[in-house]
């Protein structure tokens, strides 16, 4: 039995059968950075759409969850997720920011500006740069930074492919 039979079937099914080795390697090397940059663009568009659809309101913290950071970026910090009550057009709402960050350290009873979509009972966002743009910026930065090693790896792949074809 041909050990590459399944790979050819899957590759052919996805439209990779006609690609050269160089084209396939280019996809592998640049997939992560480009997907990160596309995700950052999508997240930024979602944040911009939220900004357009939402209104700034003053919210009062009625509860707060906190837990220690678990990633390499926030291990020595405590993350906070405040729960707000607020009013839009005289109707009371209660919502969470849906994410946690050390910058969201607000005491119960404290007020802060948040953004909420009128009539929507979903999550609100802190009306700050961190609350609106932090995630798209970090994902975009990850994609941009990962382009550098991808370019180095691609340069090495090109050299190896040239040696292979000439030798």
Protein backbone atom coordinates (compact mmCIF):
# COMPACT_ATOMS: atom_id res chain seq x y z
CA UNK A 1 0.00 0.00 0.00
CA UNK A 2 1.24 3.47 -0.87
CA UNK A 3 1.98 5.39 2.39
CA UNK A 4 1.30 8.72 0.68
CA UNK A 5 -2.08 7.68 -0.75
CA UNK A 6 -4.07 9.41 2.01
CA UNK A 7 -1.91 12.54 1.82
CA UNK A 8 -2.50 12.77 -1.92
CA UNK A 9 -6.24 12.26 -1.45
CA UNK A 10 -6.48 14.96 1.23
CA UNK A 11 -4.11 17.30 -0.62
CA UNK A 12 -6.02 16.82 -3.86
CA UNK A 13 -9.33 17.39 -2.13
CA UNK A 14 -8.12 20.73 -0.82
CA UNK A 15 -6.75 21.94 -4.12
CA UNK A 16 -3.09 21.44 -3.23
CA UNK A 17 -2.40 18.72 -5.80
CA UNK A 18 -1.27 21.17 -8.46
CA UNK A 19 1.04 23.14 -6.18
CA UNK A 20 4.79 22.80 -6.31
CA UNK A 21 6.83 21.98 -3.22
CA UNK A 22 7.93 25.61 -3.02
CA UNK A 23 4.31 26.83 -3.08
CA UNK A 24 3.28 24.32 -0.40
CA UNK A 25 6.18 25.33 1.85
CA UNK A 26 5.30 29.00 1.39
CA UNK A 27 1.79 28.26 2.67
CA UNK A 28 3.17 26.39 5.70
CA UNK A 29 5.73 29.07 6.60
CA UNK A 30 3.45 32.08 6.24
CA UNK A 31 0.14 30.56 7.43
CA UNK A 32 0.48 31.55 11.11
CA UNK A 33 1.55 35.19 10.61
CA UNK A 34 -1.04 35.81 7.92
CA UNK A 35 -3.83 34.14 9.88
CA UNK A 36 -2.91 36.25 12.92
CA UNK A 37 -2.98 39.42 10.85
CA UNK A 38 -6.33 38.46 9.30
CA UNK A 39 -7.73 37.63 12.76
CA UNK A 40 -6.49 40.99 14.07
CA UNK A 41 -8.21 42.73 11.18
CA UNK A 42 -11.45 40.87 11.94
CA UNK A 43 -11.19 41.63 15.67
CA UNK A 44 -10.50 45.30 14.93
CA UNK A 45 -13.52 45.41 12.62
CA UNK A 46 -15.66 43.84 15.37
CA UNK A 47 -14.40 46.43 17.87
CA UNK A 48 -15.07 49.26 15.42
CA UNK A 49 -18.58 47.92 14.76
CA UNK A 50 -19.20 47.64 18.52
CA UNK A 51 -17.97 51.23 18.93
CA UNK A 52 -20.38 52.41 16.22
CA UNK A 53 -23.40 50.48 17.57
CA UNK A 54 -22.83 51.17 21.26
CA UNK A 55 -23.32 54.22 23.42
CA UNK A 56 -21.14 55.38 26.30
CA UNK A 57 -22.90 55.08 29.66
CA UNK A 58 -21.82 55.29 33.25
CA UNK A 59 -21.91 51.92 34.96
CA UNK A 60 -21.73 51.06 38.64
CA UNK A 61 -19.76 48.00 39.73
CA UNK A 62 -22.06 45.65 41.68
CA UNK A 63 -19.79 42.60 41.76
CA UNK A 64 -16.25 41.73 40.82
CA UNK A 65 -14.58 38.45 40.03
CA UNK A 66 -10.85 38.11 40.47
CA UNK A 67 -8.34 35.35 39.88
CA UNK A 68 -4.59 35.06 39.47
CA UNK A 69 -3.12 35.25 36.00
CA UNK A 70 -2.21 31.94 34.41
CA UNK A 71 -0.28 32.95 31.29
CA UNK A 72 3.37 33.94 30.99
CA UNK A 73 2.21 37.53 30.53
CA UNK A 74 0.15 37.89 33.72
CA UNK A 75 1.38 35.25 36.19
CA UNK A 76 2.27 37.76 38.89
CA UNK A 77 -0.91 39.79 38.46
CA UNK A 78 -4.54 39.48 39.42
CA UNK A 79 -7.16 39.72 36.68
CA UNK A 80 -10.46 41.44 37.43
CA UNK A 81 -13.85 41.13 35.75
CA UNK A 82 -16.35 43.72 36.98
CA UNK A 83 -20.12 43.30 36.75
CA UNK A 84 -21.94 46.57 36.04
CA UNK A 85 -25.44 47.91 36.39
CA UNK A 86 -26.39 50.78 34.10
CA UNK A 87 -29.38 52.42 32.47
CA UNK A 88 -30.19 53.16 28.86
CA UNK A 89 -33.38 55.13 28.15
CA UNK A 90 -34.48 54.59 31.75
CA UNK A 91 -34.29 50.79 31.52
CA UNK A 92 -31.92 49.07 33.97
CA UNK A 93 -29.37 46.53 32.77
CA UNK A 94 -26.76 44.31 34.38
CA UNK A 95 -23.81 42.96 32.41
CA UNK A 96 -20.21 41.87 32.60
CA UNK A 97 -17.33 43.06 30.46
CA UNK A 98 -16.92 39.43 29.42
CA UNK A 99 -13.16 39.43 29.88
CA UNK A 100 -10.67 40.03 32.63
CA UNK A 101 -7.63 42.27 32.82
CA UNK A 102 -5.50 43.75 35.63
CA UNK A 103 -6.59 47.23 34.45
CA UNK A 104 -10.23 46.40 35.27
CA UNK A 105 -9.54 46.66 39.03
CA UNK A 106 -12.66 48.52 40.14
CA UNK A 107 -14.14 48.28 43.62
CA UNK A 108 -17.79 47.41 44.20
CA UNK A 109 -19.71 50.70 44.18
CA UNK A 110 -17.20 52.45 41.92
CA UNK A 111 -18.42 53.93 38.63
CA UNK A 112 -16.75 53.80 35.24
CA UNK A 113 -17.58 54.65 31.65
CA UNK A 114 -18.62 51.61 29.67
CA UNK A 115 -20.03 51.05 26.19
CA UNK A 116 -23.29 49.15 25.74
CA UNK A 117 -25.48 48.42 22.74
CA UNK A 118 -28.99 49.80 23.38
CA UNK A 119 -31.55 47.02 23.80
CA UNK A 120 -28.87 44.31 23.93
CA UNK A 121 -28.45 42.30 27.11
CA UNK A 122 -25.03 41.02 26.06
CA UNK A 123 -21.64 41.99 27.40
CA UNK A 124 -20.54 45.57 27.74
CA UNK A 125 -17.02 46.87 27.18
CA UNK A 126 -14.93 49.24 29.20
CA UNK A 127 -14.77 52.55 27.34
CA UNK A 128 -10.96 52.52 27.36
CA UNK A 129 -8.25 51.60 24.89
CA UNK A 130 -7.67 48.32 26.74
CA UNK A 131 -11.38 47.54 26.80
CA UNK A 132 -11.88 48.19 23.10
CA UNK A 133 -8.61 47.63 21.23
CA UNK A 134 -6.24 45.52 23.36
CA UNK A 135 -7.07 42.11 21.86
CA UNK A 136 -6.91 43.19 18.18
CA UNK A 137 -3.63 45.00 18.90
CA UNK A 138 -2.04 41.99 20.61
CA UNK A 139 -3.12 39.54 17.89
CA UNK A 140 -1.89 41.95 15.20
CA UNK A 141 1.41 42.41 17.03
CA UNK A 142 1.79 38.63 17.30
CA UNK A 143 1.22 38.31 13.55
CA UNK A 144 3.63 41.14 12.71
CA UNK A 145 6.35 39.81 15.02
CA UNK A 146 5.95 36.25 13.70
CA UNK A 147 6.51 37.53 10.15
CA UNK A 148 10.19 38.11 10.96
CA UNK A 149 11.04 34.47 11.77
CA UNK A 150 8.79 33.37 8.89
CA UNK A 151 10.86 35.48 6.50
CA UNK A 152 14.08 34.01 7.92
CA UNK A 153 12.72 30.47 7.61
CA UNK A 154 11.53 31.20 4.08
CA UNK A 155 15.00 32.46 3.16
CA UNK A 156 16.48 29.20 4.47
CA UNK A 157 13.88 27.15 2.57
CA UNK A 158 14.69 28.98 -0.67
CA UNK A 159 18.42 28.31 -0.21
CA UNK A 160 17.77 24.62 0.52
CA UNK A 161 15.44 24.28 -2.48
CA UNK A 162 18.04 25.87 -4.76
CA UNK A 163 20.73 23.48 -3.49
CA UNK A 164 18.37 20.56 -3.98
CA UNK A 165 17.53 21.52 -7.56
CA UNK A 166 21.14 22.30 -8.56
CA UNK A 167 22.76 19.31 -6.88
